Amino acid sequence: MISVGLGVVIFVLIIAIFAPFVVRHDPFQNNLDLLLMSPNKAYIMGTDQYGRDIFSRVIWGTRESLKIGLLSIVIGAFCGILLGLISGYLGGLVDDLLTRMVNLLLSFPVIIVAIIVVGIVGTGSSGVIVALGIGITPIFARIVRGQVLTIKQNTYVEAARALGAGNMRVILYHILINISGPIIVLVTIYLPLAILAESSLSFLGIGVSPDTPTWGRIIADGRAYIQSAPWICLFPGLALIITSISFNILGDGLRDELDPKLRVR
């Protein structure tokens, strides 16, 4: 199954990278002569209420949705890894304070945290990226902290300290490298969560700007026409579902490959 998930993920990434060369029509151009046209040879996914080509908008939305998802994961992973390393390695009062802060954020769903942050920093792609990054940060922080607490008790870490290695060297060369596997798995698992959260924010009207075609924005624009023109919501919804499932399959496969305990089974 991991090969299937990897294949679909690679295909989606290629579509996102080469979106300008794949689209058949301008995804932003309105055409009053083609309003709510059902799927046909010229417009294989039909058109929306403004006469825009759904296929081109879904393809372009692949780039925008993945960009927002990847950048928010980068922010969340970086901040979460940093907090987790500091908390788990230093322990004591620092660990207690950071753990309480992380637990407080974890008590709210990611989408709720994102809504609060968007209300503070504002809407638009940048605001959504920052909001989702902050919402994902405690997830990485908790996992990384747990891994650090386990690994720092190992003999090779104590040996490195005995040989005079400083805290920074121990963290970078003896701890961070050994928790890279779980981090990679977390990225593949929570990337679709970020994409879904962005879609949810756009659907609620507090995500990206209306002129930015993401999967969630396309679905939000077409919800008023769900009965008369269901294809507006159908195709971006399918793209969202297939991409999310593929990333989850890839994440599960990587977890099985990178976890020696699961490989033994």
C-alpha atoms as a PDB file:
ATOM      1  CA  MET A   1       0.000   0.000   0.000  1.00  0.00           C
ATOM      2  CA  ILE A   2       2.887   2.377   0.675  1.00  0.00           C
ATOM      3  CA  SER A   3       3.811   2.313  -3.021  1.00  0.00           C
ATOM      4  CA  VAL A   4       0.249   3.335  -3.939  1.00  0.00           C
ATOM      5  CA  GLY A   5       0.284   6.221  -1.474  1.00  0.00           C
ATOM      6  CA  LEU A   6       3.755   7.306  -2.601  1.00  0.00           C
ATOM      7  CA  GLY A   7       2.736   7.156  -6.256  1.00  0.00           C
ATOM      8  CA  VAL A   8      -0.330   9.330  -5.741  1.00  0.00           C
ATOM      9  CA  VAL A   9       1.626  11.806  -3.588  1.00  0.00           C
ATOM     10  CA  ILE A  10       4.333  12.135  -6.245  1.00  0.00           C
ATOM     11  CA  PHE A  11       1.669  12.600  -8.921  1.00  0.00           C
ATOM     12  CA  VAL A  12      -0.045  15.337  -6.892  1.00  0.00           C
ATOM     13  CA  LEU A  13       3.296  17.085  -6.269  1.00  0.00           C
ATOM     14  CA  ILE A  14       4.097  16.998  -9.994  1.00  0.00           C
ATOM     15  CA  ILE A  15       0.665  18.467 -10.774  1.00  0.00           C
ATOM     16  CA  ALA A  16       1.274  21.226  -8.227  1.00  0.00           C
ATOM     17  CA  ILE A  17       4.723  22.072  -9.591  1.00  0.00           C
ATOM     18  CA  PHE A  18       3.683  22.106 -13.247  1.00  0.00           C
ATOM     19  CA  ALA A  19       0.179  23.535 -12.715  1.00  0.00           C
ATOM     20  CA  PRO A  20       0.711  26.473 -15.141  1.00  0.00           C
ATOM     21  CA  PHE A  21       1.483  23.985 -17.911  1.00  0.00           C
ATOM     22  CA  VAL A  22      -1.357  21.577 -17.083  1.00  0.00           C
ATOM     23  CA  VAL A  23      -4.301  23.975 -16.918  1.00  0.00           C
ATOM     24  CA  ARG A  24      -6.380  24.142 -20.104  1.00  0.00           C
ATOM     25  CA  HIS A  25      -7.970  27.535 -19.443  1.00  0.00           C
ATOM     26  CA  ASP A  26      -7.270  30.568 -17.304  1.00  0.00           C
ATOM     27  CA  PRO A  27      -8.508  29.583 -13.802  1.00  0.00           C
ATOM     28  CA  PHE A  28      -9.232  33.250 -12.978  1.00  0.00           C
ATOM     29  CA  GLN A  29     -11.051  34.313 -16.141  1.00  0.00           C
ATOM     30  CA  ASN A  30     -14.807  34.867 -15.944  1.00  0.00           C
ATOM     31  CA  ASN A  31     -16.947  33.965 -18.953  1.00  0.00           C
ATOM     32  CA  LEU A  32     -20.608  34.933 -18.792  1.00  0.00           C
ATOM     33  CA  ASP A  33     -21.392  32.720 -21.779  1.00  0.00           C
ATOM     34  CA  LEU A  34     -20.339  29.557 -19.918  1.00  0.00           C
ATOM     35  CA  LEU A  35     -22.114  29.889 -16.570  1.00  0.00           C
ATOM     36  CA  LEU A  36     -22.716  26.576 -14.735  1.00  0.00           C
ATOM     37  CA  MET A  37     -21.900  24.435 -17.735  1.00  0.00           C
ATOM     38  CA  SER A  38     -21.950  20.709 -16.968  1.00  0.00           C
ATOM     39  CA  PRO A  39     -18.855  18.565 -17.731  1.00  0.00           C
ATOM     40  CA  ASN A  40     -18.184  18.169 -21.466  1.00  0.00           C
ATOM     41  CA  LYS A  41     -15.312  17.647 -23.893  1.00  0.00           C
ATOM     42  CA  ALA A  42     -14.164  21.260 -23.753  1.00  0.00           C
ATOM     43  CA  TYR A  43     -14.609  21.609 -19.976  1.00  0.00           C
ATOM     44  CA  ILE A  44     -14.165  18.122 -18.554  1.00  0.00           C
ATOM     45  CA  MET A  45     -15.144  19.216 -15.031  1.00  0.00           C
ATOM     46  CA  GLY A  46     -17.658  21.846 -16.079  1.00  0.00           C
ATOM     47  CA  THR A  47     -17.694  25.512 -15.156  1.00  0.00           C
ATOM     48  CA  ASP A  48     -18.742  27.445 -12.049  1.00  0.00           C
ATOM     49  CA  GLN A  49     -21.198  30.280 -11.498  1.00  0.00           C
ATOM     50  CA  TYR A  50     -18.748  32.738 -13.074  1.00  0.00           C
ATOM     51  CA  GLY A  51     -17.981  30.589 -16.112  1.00  0.00           C
ATOM     52  CA  ARG A  52     -14.535  29.614 -14.840  1.00  0.00           C
ATOM     53  CA  ASP A  53     -13.100  26.219 -15.767  1.00  0.00           C
ATOM     54  CA  ILE A  54     -13.334  23.876 -12.753  1.00  0.00           C
ATOM     55  CA  PHE A  55     -10.540  21.610 -14.041  1.00  0.00           C
ATOM     56  CA  SER A  56      -8.097  24.525 -14.252  1.00  0.00           C
ATOM     57  CA  ARG A  57      -9.145  25.794 -10.834  1.00  0.00           C
ATOM     58  CA  VAL A  58      -8.759  22.352  -9.232  1.00  0.00           C
ATOM     59  CA  ILE A  59      -5.288  21.977 -10.780  1.00  0.00           C
ATOM     60  CA  TRP A  60      -4.289  25.450  -9.637  1.00  0.00           C
ATOM     61  CA  GLY A  61      -5.891  24.754  -6.278  1.00  0.00           C
ATOM     62  CA  THR A  62      -3.580  21.755  -5.917  1.00  0.00           C
ATOM     63  CA  ARG A  63      -0.607  24.119  -5.953  1.00  0.00           C
ATOM     64  CA  GLU A  64      -2.183  26.605  -3.538  1.00  0.00           C
ATOM     65  CA  SER A  65      -3.484  23.990  -1.081  1.00  0.00           C
ATOM     66  CA  LEU A  66      -0.191  22.086  -0.985  1.00  0.00           C
ATOM     67  CA  LYS A  67       1.768  25.319  -0.617  1.00  0.00           C
ATOM     68  CA  ILE A  68      -0.286  26.375   2.381  1.00  0.00           C
ATOM     69  CA  GLY A  69      -0.146  22.873   3.861  1.00  0.00           C
ATOM     70  CA  LEU A  70       3.620  22.482   3.404  1.00  0.00           C
ATOM     71  CA  LEU A  71       4.516  25.936   4.722  1.00  0.00           C
ATOM     72  CA  SER A  72       2.271  25.540   7.768  1.00  0.00           C
ATOM     73  CA  ILE A  73       3.841  22.124   8.447  1.00  0.00           C
ATOM     74  CA  VAL A  74       7.324  23.652   8.169  1.00  0.00           C
ATOM     75  CA  ILE A  75       6.427  26.326  10.724  1.00  0.00           C
ATOM     76  CA  GLY A  76       4.662  23.894  13.044  1.00  0.00           C
ATOM     77  CA  ALA A  77       7.419  21.269  12.781  1.00  0.00           C
ATOM     78  CA  PHE A  78      10.247  23.756  13.346  1.00  0.00           C
ATOM     79  CA  CYS A  79       8.623  25.395  16.372  1.00  0.00           C
ATOM     80  CA  GLY A  80       7.371  22.085  17.770  1.00  0.00           C
ATOM     81  CA  ILE A  81      10.730  20.328  17.386  1.00  0.00           C
ATOM     82  CA  LEU A  82      12.500  23.268  19.021  1.00  0.00           C
ATOM     83  CA  LEU A  83      10.103  23.330  21.976  1.00  0.00           C
ATOM     84  CA  GLY A  84      10.174  19.545  22.322  1.00  0.00           C
ATOM     85  CA  LEU A  85      13.979  19.391  22.308  1.00  0.00           C
ATOM     86  CA  ILE A  86      14.316  22.169  24.873  1.00  0.00           C
ATOM     87  CA  SER A  87      11.591  20.768  27.115  1.00  0.00           C
ATOM     88  CA  GLY A  88      12.716  17.141  27.002  1.00  0.00           C
ATOM     89  CA  TYR A  89      16.443  17.770  27.263  1.00  0.00           C
ATOM     90  CA  LEU A  90      16.536  20.464  29.932  1.00  0.00           C
ATOM     91  CA  GLY A  91      13.706  19.136  32.104  1.00  0.00           C
ATOM     92  CA  GLY A  92      12.950  20.778  35.437  1.00  0.00           C
ATOM     93  CA  LEU A  93      11.068  24.079  35.550  1.00  0.00           C
ATOM     94  CA  VAL A  94      11.538  24.714  31.831  1.00  0.00           C
ATOM     95  CA  ASP A  95       9.971  21.364  31.001  1.00  0.00           C
ATOM     96  CA  ASP A  96       7.104  21.989  33.401  1.00  0.00           C
ATOM     97  CA  LEU A  97       6.280  25.421  31.933  1.00  0.00           C
ATOM     98  CA  LEU A  98       6.549  24.321  28.301  1.00  0.00           C
ATOM     99  CA  THR A  99       4.532  21.162  28.953  1.00  0.00           C
ATOM    100  CA  ARG A 100       1.722  23.164  30.533  1.00  0.00           C
ATOM    101  CA  MET A 101       1.686  25.548  27.574  1.00  0.00           C
ATOM    102  CA  VAL A 102       1.638  22.670  25.070  1.00  0.00           C
ATOM    103  CA  ASN A 103      -1.115  20.865  26.976  1.00  0.00           C
ATOM    104  CA  LEU A 104      -3.172  24.049  26.983  1.00  0.00           C
ATOM    105  CA  LEU A 105      -2.930  24.330  23.198  1.00  0.00           C
ATOM    106  CA  LEU A 106      -3.630  20.617  22.775  1.00  0.00           C
ATOM    107  CA  SER A 107      -6.869  20.983  24.690  1.00  0.00           C
ATOM    108  CA  PHE A 108      -8.286  22.780  21.640  1.00  0.00           C
ATOM    109  CA  PRO A 109      -8.656  21.221  18.169  1.00  0.00           C
ATOM    110  CA  VAL A 110      -6.236  22.546  15.541  1.00  0.00           C
ATOM    111  CA  ILE A 111      -9.055  24.208  13.613  1.00  0.00           C
ATOM    112  CA  ILE A 112     -10.197  26.141  16.723  1.00  0.00           C
ATOM    113  CA  VAL A 113      -6.668  27.378  17.416  1.00  0.00           C
ATOM    114  CA  ALA A 114      -6.361  28.364  13.749  1.00  0.00           C
ATOM    115  CA  ILE A 115      -9.639  30.297  13.840  1.00  0.00           C
ATOM    116  CA  ILE A 116      -8.465  32.225  16.916  1.00  0.00           C
ATOM    117  CA  VAL A 117      -5.085  33.041  15.356  1.00  0.00           C
ATOM    118  CA  VAL A 118      -6.663  34.053  12.028  1.00  0.00           C
ATOM    119  CA  GLY A 119      -8.888  36.420  13.985  1.00  0.00           C
ATOM    120  CA  ILE A 120      -5.734  38.017  15.417  1.00  0.00           C
ATOM    121  CA  VAL A 121      -3.343  38.074  12.444  1.00  0.00           C
ATOM    122  CA  GLY A 122      -5.968  38.399   9.718  1.00  0.00           C
ATOM    123  CA  THR A 123      -7.125  36.316   6.770  1.00  0.00           C
ATOM    124  CA  GLY A 124      -5.257  35.598   3.551  1.00  0.00           C
ATOM    125  CA  SER A 125      -2.683  32.950   2.686  1.00  0.00           C
ATOM    126  CA  SER A 126      -0.043  34.291   5.097  1.00  0.00           C
ATOM    127  CA  GLY A 127      -2.483  34.473   7.995  1.00  0.00           C
ATOM    128  CA  VAL A 128      -3.733  30.928   7.348  1.00  0.00           C
ATOM    129  CA  ILE A 129      -0.172  29.563   7.150  1.00  0.00           C
ATOM    130  CA  VAL A 130       0.792  31.187  10.460  1.00  0.00           C
ATOM    131  CA  ALA A 131      -2.457  30.098  12.111  1.00  0.00           C
ATOM    132  CA  LEU A 132      -2.122  26.467  11.047  1.00  0.00           C
ATOM    133  CA  GLY A 133       1.562  26.452  11.956  1.00  0.00           C
ATOM    134  CA  ILE A 134       0.743  27.574  15.499  1.00  0.00           C
ATOM    135  CA  GLY A 135      -2.057  25.015  15.722  1.00  0.00           C
ATOM    136  CA  ILE A 136       0.244  22.167  14.650  1.00  0.00           C
ATOM    137  CA  THR A 137       3.197  23.206  16.850  1.00  0.00           C
ATOM    138  CA  PRO A 138       2.021  21.505  20.102  1.00  0.00           C
ATOM    139  CA  ILE A 139       1.489  18.184  18.284  1.00  0.00           C
ATOM    140  CA  PHE A 140       5.135  18.048  17.226  1.00  0.00           C
ATOM    141  CA  ALA A 141       6.304  19.408  20.581  1.00  0.00           C
ATOM    142  CA  ARG A 142       4.582  16.645  22.558  1.00  0.00           C
ATOM    143  CA  ILE A 143       5.870  13.810  20.334  1.00  0.00           C
ATOM    144  CA  VAL A 144       9.431  15.172  20.198  1.00  0.00           C
ATOM    145  CA  ARG A 145       9.534  15.723  23.960  1.00  0.00           C
ATOM    146  CA  GLY A 146       8.530  12.114  24.590  1.00  0.00           C
ATOM    147  CA  GLN A 147      11.196  10.845  22.194  1.00  0.00           C
ATOM    148  CA  VAL A 148      13.875  13.042  23.779  1.00  0.00           C
ATOM    149  CA  LEU A 149      13.020  11.874  27.295  1.00  0.00           C
ATOM    150  CA  THR A 150      13.590   8.284  26.159  1.00  0.00           C
ATOM    151  CA  ILE A 151      16.704   8.785  24.037  1.00  0.00           C
ATOM    152  CA  LYS A 152      18.627  11.018  26.437  1.00  0.00           C
ATOM    153  CA  GLN A 153      18.781   8.116  28.912  1.00  0.00           C
ATOM    154  CA  ASN A 154      20.660   5.919  26.437  1.00  0.00           C
ATOM    155  CA  THR A 155      24.271   4.962  27.034  1.00  0.00           C
ATOM    156  CA  TYR A 156      25.645   6.647  23.923  1.00  0.00           C
ATOM    157  CA  VAL A 157      24.248  10.006  25.059  1.00  0.00           C
ATOM    158  CA  GLU A 158      25.892   9.626  28.462  1.00  0.00           C
ATOM    159  CA  ALA A 159      29.124   8.613  26.716  1.00  0.00           C
ATOM    160  CA  ALA A 160      29.013  11.717  24.530  1.00  0.00           C
ATOM    161  CA  ARG A 161      28.611  13.907  27.595  1.00  0.00           C
ATOM    162  CA  ALA A 162      31.481  12.098  29.338  1.00  0.00           C
ATOM    163  CA  LEU A 163      33.725  12.797  26.331  1.00  0.00           C
ATOM    164  CA  GLY A 164      33.032  16.502  26.701  1.00  0.00           C
ATOM    165  CA  ALA A 165      30.330  17.049  24.098  1.00  0.00           C
ATOM    166  CA  GLY A 166      28.298  20.192  24.755  1.00  0.00           C
ATOM    167  CA  ASN A 167      24.525  20.301  24.982  1.00  0.00           C
ATOM    168  CA  MET A 168      24.135  21.608  21.437  1.00  0.00           C
ATOM    169  CA  ARG A 169      26.276  18.836  19.967  1.00  0.00           C
ATOM    170  CA  VAL A 170      24.443  16.171  21.956  1.00  0.00           C
ATOM    171  CA  ILE A 171      21.080  17.497  20.841  1.00  0.00           C
ATOM    172  CA  LEU A 172      22.011  17.825  17.158  1.00  0.00           C
ATOM    173  CA  TYR A 173      24.208  14.760  16.619  1.00  0.00           C
ATOM    174  CA  HIS A 174      22.912  12.251  19.150  1.00  0.00           C
ATOM    175  CA  ILE A 175      19.245  13.071  19.771  1.00  0.00           C
ATOM    176  CA  LEU A 176      17.767  14.928  16.802  1.00  0.00           C
ATOM    177  CA  ILE A 177      19.184  12.459  14.268  1.00  0.00           C
ATOM    178  CA  ASN A 178      17.706   9.530  16.173  1.00  0.00           C
ATOM    179  CA  ILE A 179      14.204  11.033  16.248  1.00  0.00           C
ATOM    180  CA  SER A 180      14.177  11.969  12.560  1.00  0.00           C
ATOM    181  CA  GLY A 181      12.086   8.876  11.720  1.00  0.00           C
ATOM    182  CA  PRO A 182       9.076   9.806  13.874  1.00  0.00           C
ATOM    183  CA  ILE A 183       9.345  13.411  12.665  1.00  0.00           C
ATOM    184  CA  ILE A 184       9.157  12.343   9.009  1.00  0.00           C
ATOM    185  CA  VAL A 185       6.121  10.197   9.792  1.00  0.00           C
ATOM    186  CA  LEU A 186       4.453  13.108  11.611  1.00  0.00           C
ATOM    187  CA  VAL A 187       4.973  15.370   8.598  1.00  0.00           C
ATOM    188  CA  THR A 188       3.283  12.905   6.232  1.00  0.00           C
ATOM    189  CA  ILE A 189       0.407  12.321   8.641  1.00  0.00           C
ATOM    190  CA  TYR A 190      -0.308  15.942   9.571  1.00  0.00           C
ATOM    191  CA  LEU A 191       0.229  17.503   6.150  1.00  0.00           C
ATOM    192  CA  PRO A 192      -3.231  16.335   5.011  1.00  0.00           C
ATOM    193  CA  LEU A 193      -4.581  17.632   8.329  1.00  0.00           C
ATOM    194  CA  ALA A 194      -3.190  21.064   7.460  1.00  0.00           C
ATOM    195  CA  ILE A 195      -4.729  20.889   3.974  1.00  0.00           C
ATOM    196  CA  LEU A 196      -8.089  19.871   5.451  1.00  0.00           C
ATOM    197  CA  ALA A 197      -7.879  22.651   8.031  1.00  0.00           C
ATOM    198  CA  GLU A 198      -7.129  25.203   5.306  1.00  0.00           C
ATOM    199  CA  SER A 199     -10.099  23.897   3.340  1.00  0.00           C
ATOM    200  CA  SER A 200     -12.283  24.215   6.425  1.00  0.00           C
ATOM    201  CA  LEU A 201     -11.175  27.806   7.021  1.00  0.00           C
ATOM    202  CA  SER A 202     -11.799  28.703   3.382  1.00  0.00           C
ATOM    203  CA  PHE A 203     -15.175  26.988   3.523  1.00  0.00           C
ATOM    204  CA  LEU A 204     -16.074  29.114   6.551  1.00  0.00           C
ATOM    205  CA  GLY A 205     -15.009  32.230   4.672  1.00  0.00           C
ATOM    206  CA  ILE A 206     -12.080  33.116   6.967  1.00  0.00           C
ATOM    207  CA  GLY A 207      -9.290  31.477   5.003  1.00  0.00           C
ATOM    208  CA  VAL A 208      -7.599  32.613   1.812  1.00  0.00           C
ATOM    209  CA  SER A 209      -8.937  35.510  -0.225  1.00  0.00           C
ATOM    210  CA  PRO A 210     -11.857  34.733  -2.583  1.00  0.00           C
ATOM    211  CA  ASP A 211      -9.669  35.160  -5.681  1.00  0.00           C
ATOM    212  CA  THR A 212      -7.262  32.404  -4.546  1.00  0.00           C
ATOM    213  CA  PRO A 213      -8.398  29.017  -5.894  1.00  0.00           C
ATOM    214  CA  THR A 214      -7.761  26.430  -3.205  1.00  0.00           C
ATOM    215  CA  TRP A 215      -9.795  23.246  -2.882  1.00  0.00           C
ATOM    216  CA  GLY A 216     -11.646  24.600   0.137  1.00  0.00           C
ATOM    217  CA  ARG A 217     -12.367  27.929  -1.531  1.00  0.00           C
ATOM    218  CA  ILE A 218     -13.746  26.206  -4.661  1.00  0.00           C
ATOM    219  CA  ILE A 219     -16.029  24.047  -2.504  1.00  0.00           C
ATOM    220  CA  ALA A 220     -17.145  27.086  -0.538  1.00  0.00           C
ATOM    221  CA  ASP A 221     -17.944  28.984  -3.738  1.00  0.00           C
ATOM    222  CA  GLY A 222     -19.993  26.079  -5.068  1.00  0.00           C
ATOM    223  CA  ARG A 223     -21.993  25.166  -1.988  1.00  0.00           C
ATOM    224  CA  ALA A 224     -24.877  27.450  -3.014  1.00  0.00           C
ATOM    225  CA  TYR A 225     -25.151  25.457  -6.243  1.00  0.00           C
ATOM    226  CA  ILE A 226     -24.804  21.975  -4.751  1.00  0.00           C
ATOM    227  CA  GLN A 227     -28.139  20.851  -6.222  1.00  0.00           C
ATOM    228  CA  SER A 228     -28.090  22.592  -9.598  1.00  0.00           C
ATOM    229  CA  ALA A 229     -24.338  22.228 -10.291  1.00  0.00           C
ATOM    230  CA  PRO A 230     -22.883  19.551  -7.969  1.00  0.00           C
ATOM    231  CA  TRP A 231     -19.704  19.232 -10.066  1.00  0.00           C
ATOM    232  CA  ILE A 232     -18.383  22.483  -8.609  1.00  0.00           C
ATOM    233  CA  CYS A 233     -17.993  20.843  -5.203  1.00  0.00           C
ATOM    234  CA  LEU A 234     -17.549  17.246  -6.388  1.00  0.00           C
ATOM    235  CA  PHE A 235     -14.182  17.453  -8.139  1.00  0.00           C
ATOM    236  CA  PRO A 236     -12.243  19.552  -5.593  1.00  0.00           C
ATOM    237  CA  GLY A 237     -13.782  17.377  -2.870  1.00  0.00           C
ATOM    238  CA  LEU A 238     -12.507  14.227  -4.590  1.00  0.00           C
ATOM    239  CA  ALA A 239      -9.048  15.792  -4.986  1.00  0.00           C
ATOM    240  CA  LEU A 240      -9.022  16.651  -1.290  1.00  0.00           C
ATOM    241  CA  ILE A 241     -10.126  13.167  -0.206  1.00  0.00           C
ATOM    242  CA  ILE A 242      -7.719  11.270  -2.491  1.00  0.00           C
ATOM    243  CA  THR A 243      -4.747  13.434  -1.491  1.00  0.00           C
ATOM    244  CA  SER A 244      -5.491  13.135   2.234  1.00  0.00           C
ATOM    245  CA  ILE A 245      -5.906   9.354   2.081  1.00  0.00           C
ATOM    246  CA  SER A 246      -2.701   8.987   0.042  1.00  0.00           C
ATOM    247  CA  PHE A 247      -0.638  10.993   2.526  1.00  0.00           C
ATOM    248  CA  ASN A 248      -2.092   8.956   5.395  1.00  0.00           C
ATOM    249  CA  ILE A 249      -1.256   5.680   3.616  1.00  0.00           C
ATOM    250  CA  LEU A 250       2.271   6.952   3.004  1.00  0.00           C
ATOM    251  CA  GLY A 251       2.607   8.006   6.638  1.00  0.00           C
ATOM    252  CA  ASP A 252       1.423   4.625   7.927  1.00  0.00           C
ATOM    253  CA  GLY A 253       3.836   2.854   5.586  1.00  0.00           C
ATOM    254  CA  LEU A 254       6.768   5.005   6.642  1.00  0.00           C
ATOM    255  CA  ARG A 255       5.907   4.410  10.291  1.00  0.00           C
ATOM    256  CA  ASP A 256       6.018   0.658   9.724  1.00  0.00           C
ATOM    257  CA  GLU A 257       9.336   0.916   7.876  1.00  0.00           C
ATOM    258  CA  LEU A 258      11.061   3.315  10.276  1.00  0.00           C
ATOM    259  CA  ASP A 259       9.874   1.722  13.534  1.00  0.00           C
ATOM    260  CA  PRO A 260      12.075  -1.327  14.257  1.00  0.00           C
ATOM    261  CA  LYS A 261       9.535  -2.741  16.721  1.00  0.00           C
ATOM    262  CA  LEU A 262       6.860  -2.832  14.030  1.00  0.00           C
ATOM    263  CA  ARG A 263       9.290  -4.368  11.526  1.00  0.00           C
ATOM    264  CA  VAL A 264      10.052  -7.204  13.928  1.00  0.00           C
ATOM    265  CA  ARG A 265       6.377  -8.061  14.117  1.00  0.00           C
END
